[in-house]
Protein backbone atom coordinates (compact mmCIF):
# COMPACT_ATOMS: atom_id res chain seq x y z
CA MET A 1 127.50 -27.50 -87.18
CA MET A 2 127.16 -28.19 -90.94
CA LEU A 3 130.51 -29.18 -92.65
CA LEU A 4 131.12 -28.79 -96.33
CA THR A 5 133.12 -31.49 -98.46
CA HIS A 6 136.42 -31.33 -99.76
CA ASN A 7 134.16 -31.79 -103.33
CA ALA A 8 133.24 -28.45 -103.09
CA ASP A 9 134.51 -26.08 -106.12
CA VAL A 10 137.37 -23.59 -105.28
CA GLU A 11 137.32 -20.82 -108.15
CA GLY A 12 135.51 -23.17 -110.66
CA ILE A 13 138.09 -25.68 -110.01
CA GLY A 14 136.50 -29.30 -108.58
CA VAL A 15 139.24 -30.32 -105.43
CA LEU A 16 139.72 -33.79 -105.02
CA PRO A 17 140.03 -35.29 -101.74
CA TRP A 18 143.23 -35.68 -100.08
CA GLN A 19 144.70 -39.32 -100.84
CA GLU A 20 145.18 -41.48 -97.84
CA SER A 21 149.08 -41.96 -97.40
CA PHE A 22 151.99 -41.13 -94.88
CA THR A 23 153.14 -37.78 -97.33
CA SER A 24 149.39 -36.66 -97.16
CA ARG A 25 149.49 -37.21 -93.56
CA LEU A 26 152.46 -35.49 -92.82
CA GLU A 27 151.45 -32.43 -94.70
CA ALA A 28 148.26 -32.05 -93.25
CA LEU A 29 149.92 -32.03 -90.01
CA ALA A 30 152.47 -29.28 -91.14
CA LEU A 31 149.40 -27.21 -92.34
CA LEU A 32 147.70 -27.67 -89.48
CA GLN A 33 150.52 -26.59 -87.04
CA THR A 34 151.15 -23.81 -89.27
CA LEU A 35 147.59 -22.40 -88.77
CA ASN A 36 147.98 -22.87 -85.25
CA ALA A 37 151.06 -20.78 -85.16
CA GLU A 38 149.48 -17.92 -87.36
CA LEU A 39 146.45 -18.02 -84.80
CA LEU A 40 148.83 -17.87 -81.70
CA SER A 41 150.90 -15.10 -83.53
CA HIS A 42 148.48 -12.63 -84.03
CA HIS A 43 145.91 -10.94 -82.11
CA SER A 44 142.95 -11.45 -84.74
CA ALA A 45 141.55 -14.83 -85.75
CA THR A 46 139.48 -13.11 -88.41
CA LEU A 47 141.95 -11.57 -90.34
CA THR A 48 144.01 -14.81 -89.97
CA LEU A 49 141.49 -16.72 -91.58
CA ASP A 50 141.36 -13.70 -94.38
CA ARG A 51 145.22 -14.35 -95.23
CA TRP A 52 144.74 -18.15 -95.12
CA CYS A 53 141.63 -18.28 -97.32
CA ALA A 54 143.59 -16.10 -100.06
CA ALA A 55 146.95 -18.04 -99.55
CA HIS A 56 145.01 -21.30 -100.15
CA ARG A 57 142.70 -19.82 -102.95
CA LEU A 58 139.62 -21.19 -101.15
CA ALA A 59 137.55 -17.96 -102.66
CA SER A 60 137.97 -14.83 -104.66
CA PRO A 61 137.26 -12.39 -102.71
CA ALA A 62 139.24 -14.32 -99.71
CA ARG A 63 136.98 -12.46 -97.18
CA ILE A 64 135.63 -14.01 -93.99
CA VAL A 65 131.99 -13.40 -93.33
CA ALA A 66 130.17 -14.35 -90.07
CA ASP A 67 126.81 -16.66 -90.24
CA ARG A 68 125.31 -15.82 -87.19
CA ALA A 69 123.05 -18.66 -85.38
CA ALA A 70 119.78 -16.89 -84.87
CA GLY A 71 118.36 -16.68 -81.25
CA ALA A 72 121.38 -18.67 -79.60
CA ASP A 73 121.96 -17.76 -76.03
CA GLN A 74 124.27 -19.25 -73.61
CA PRO A 75 124.53 -17.63 -70.26
CA PRO A 76 128.43 -17.14 -68.97
CA THR A 77 129.23 -18.92 -66.21
CA ASP A 78 130.96 -17.58 -62.86
CA GLU A 79 134.30 -18.24 -64.20
CA GLN A 80 133.66 -16.47 -67.63
CA ARG A 81 132.22 -13.43 -65.38
CA GLN A 82 135.61 -13.53 -63.34
CA LEU A 83 137.81 -13.80 -66.57
CA LEU A 84 135.91 -10.97 -68.05
CA ARG A 85 135.71 -9.07 -64.66
CA VAL A 86 132.05 -8.07 -64.45
CA SER A 87 129.80 -8.45 -61.61
CA ALA A 88 127.06 -10.94 -61.63
CA THR A 89 124.64 -8.63 -62.82
CA GLU A 90 126.56 -6.74 -65.35
CA LEU A 91 125.30 -7.62 -69.17
CA VAL A 92 127.47 -10.22 -70.98
CA ARG A 93 126.07 -11.03 -74.53
CA TYR A 94 126.39 -14.25 -76.34
CA ARG A 95 127.30 -14.69 -80.31
CA LYS A 96 127.55 -17.86 -81.96
CA VAL A 97 128.76 -17.89 -85.51
CA ARG A 98 130.33 -19.98 -88.26
CA LEU A 99 133.22 -18.15 -90.28
CA ILE A 100 132.67 -18.58 -94.01
CA CYS A 101 134.95 -17.99 -96.97
CA GLY A 102 133.20 -18.73 -100.14
CA ASP A 103 131.70 -22.01 -99.45
CA HIS A 104 133.91 -22.96 -96.61
CA ALA A 105 132.86 -22.99 -93.26
CA LEU A 106 136.48 -22.75 -91.73
CA SER A 107 135.51 -22.22 -87.84
CA GLU A 108 132.66 -22.04 -85.35
CA ALA A 109 132.79 -19.58 -82.74
CA ASP A 110 131.37 -18.87 -79.43
CA ASN A 111 131.53 -15.45 -78.20
CA TRP A 112 130.95 -14.04 -74.95
CA TYR A 113 131.11 -10.23 -74.55
CA VAL A 114 130.48 -6.99 -72.43
CA PRO A 115 128.69 -4.67 -74.71
CA ALA A 116 129.33 -1.89 -72.39
CA ARG A 117 132.99 -1.85 -73.18
CA LEU A 118 132.30 -1.56 -77.14
CA THR A 119 131.08 1.46 -78.89
CA LEU A 120 127.31 2.02 -79.82
CA GLU A 121 127.88 1.35 -83.27
CA MET A 122 129.99 -1.74 -82.60
CA ASN A 123 126.96 -3.00 -80.50
CA ARG A 124 124.86 -2.06 -83.54
CA LEU A 125 126.50 -4.01 -86.27
CA LEU A 126 127.02 -7.23 -84.01
CA ASP A 127 123.04 -7.33 -83.46
CA THR A 128 122.16 -6.55 -86.72
CA THR A 129 124.97 -7.58 -89.30
CA ASP A 130 126.86 -10.75 -90.07
CA ILE A 131 130.15 -8.87 -89.53
CA ALA A 132 132.72 -11.13 -87.73
CA PHE A 133 133.16 -9.93 -84.60
CA GLY A 134 137.02 -9.19 -84.77
CA ARG A 135 136.45 -7.07 -87.79
CA VAL A 136 133.93 -5.39 -85.98
CA VAL A 137 136.16 -4.40 -82.86
CA GLN A 138 139.36 -3.94 -84.69
CA PRO A 139 139.28 -0.18 -84.07
CA LEU A 140 139.83 -0.90 -80.44
CA ASN A 141 143.61 -2.17 -81.47
CA PHE A 142 142.77 -5.06 -79.42
CA ARG A 143 144.86 -7.74 -77.73
CA ARG A 144 144.33 -11.48 -77.84
CA ARG A 145 145.56 -13.55 -74.98
CA THR A 146 145.25 -17.20 -75.64
CA LEU A 147 143.87 -19.52 -72.89
CA SER A 148 144.45 -22.96 -74.91
CA ALA A 149 145.04 -24.07 -77.94
CA LYS A 150 144.81 -27.83 -78.97
CA LEU A 151 145.00 -30.00 -82.11
CA LEU A 152 141.37 -32.03 -82.12
CA TRP A 153 143.03 -34.25 -84.79
CA SER A 154 146.47 -35.49 -85.41
CA PRO A 155 147.32 -36.96 -88.56
CA LEU A 156 149.78 -39.02 -87.23
CA PRO A 157 149.31 -41.24 -84.43
CA GLN A 158 151.39 -40.44 -81.08
CA ASP A 159 155.28 -41.82 -81.41
CA TRP A 160 154.97 -42.21 -85.01
CA GLU A 161 158.51 -41.22 -85.32
CA MET A 162 159.25 -44.04 -82.84
CA GLY A 163 157.69 -46.62 -85.34
CA ALA A 164 154.10 -46.61 -83.94
CA PRO A 165 151.57 -47.90 -86.76
CA LEU A 166 150.51 -45.61 -89.17
CA PRO A 167 147.02 -45.99 -90.35
CA GLU A 168 148.08 -45.77 -94.07
CA ARG A 169 145.75 -47.38 -96.90
CA THR A 170 147.43 -46.16 -100.27
CA GLY A 171 144.68 -45.29 -102.87
CA ALA A 172 141.95 -44.78 -100.07
CA THR A 173 140.84 -41.34 -99.40
CA LEU A 174 141.81 -39.56 -96.12
CA THR A 175 139.39 -39.35 -93.30
CA ILE A 176 139.16 -35.80 -91.40
CA PRO A 177 136.92 -35.44 -88.53
CA PRO A 178 134.65 -32.40 -88.98
CA ALA A 179 136.97 -30.58 -85.98
CA VAL A 180 140.73 -30.29 -86.10
CA LEU A 181 141.79 -27.57 -83.77
CA GLN A 182 140.05 -25.63 -80.99
CA HIS A 183 141.55 -22.07 -79.62
CA ARG A 184 140.07 -20.56 -76.38
CA ALA A 185 141.43 -16.71 -75.93
CA VAL A 186 140.48 -13.61 -74.11
CA LEU A 187 140.15 -10.19 -75.87
CA SER A 188 141.31 -7.10 -73.97
CA LEU A 189 141.49 -3.57 -74.63
CA PRO A 190 145.01 -1.98 -74.69
CA ASP A 191 144.91 -1.25 -71.08
CA GLY A 192 144.22 -4.72 -70.26
CA THR A 193 140.50 -4.80 -69.49
CA PRO A 194 139.21 -7.97 -70.67
CA PHE A 195 135.95 -7.76 -73.11
CA SER A 196 135.13 -10.84 -74.51
CA GLU A 197 135.88 -14.56 -74.30
CA VAL A 198 136.01 -16.58 -77.29
CA VAL A 199 135.83 -20.43 -78.19
CA GLU A 200 137.06 -21.23 -82.00
CA THR A 201 136.71 -24.33 -83.32
CA TYR A 202 138.37 -24.92 -86.64
CA THR A 203 136.98 -27.42 -89.27
CA ARG A 204 138.47 -29.78 -91.82
CA GLU A 205 137.44 -26.81 -94.09
CA VAL A 206 140.47 -25.28 -93.26
CA LEU A 207 142.32 -28.14 -95.69
CA ALA A 208 139.71 -27.87 -98.36
CA PHE A 209 142.06 -27.14 -101.10
CA PRO A 210 144.12 -29.68 -103.21
CA GLU A 211 146.88 -31.57 -102.07
CA PRO A 212 150.45 -29.61 -102.08
CA PRO A 213 152.41 -30.28 -105.48
CA ARG A 214 155.01 -33.06 -105.00
CA PRO A 215 158.41 -33.31 -107.25
């Protein structure tokens, strides 16, 4: 997965890297927890990222597009077939994309879906365009059930509030790993029929904006 750096321009303004400090780490943790809560409380990750992109001025217009990995294929496991309630022979397709806002790849998504539970037009769009899955299936009024949500990077060490040593190097650049958050979820029709399982890995580009202003 190609990840873009914090030096990318946002609306023509050079974005400086976040600086290493306790305050920066605390702010980064708060932002990741906020994004996590937003994803958990809404059914569409695509629309949530639209709002995140707009709120943090990552691009104008702030609209998520999907960059498909051509030829990607990963057959579903038996567990996934059980989760999607399909037989061993029923067709399950795989789609791998990067969800991009402007110059920023905010997440990488692996998606296993049952084409027979979508419309012909939805399948055509998924096969021939780079429209994000969540936007394509939005007319289904789908529901999202999160199976797991975990921070892949914690800006502050465990037990920091109890005095655990902090990795603070004042004046240095804050090092943010490529992947910071991961969700696994099932999307279902209003009647409860599942039609997709997604694994979404969110990148450090969700923080690709200037540090919050301080008084």
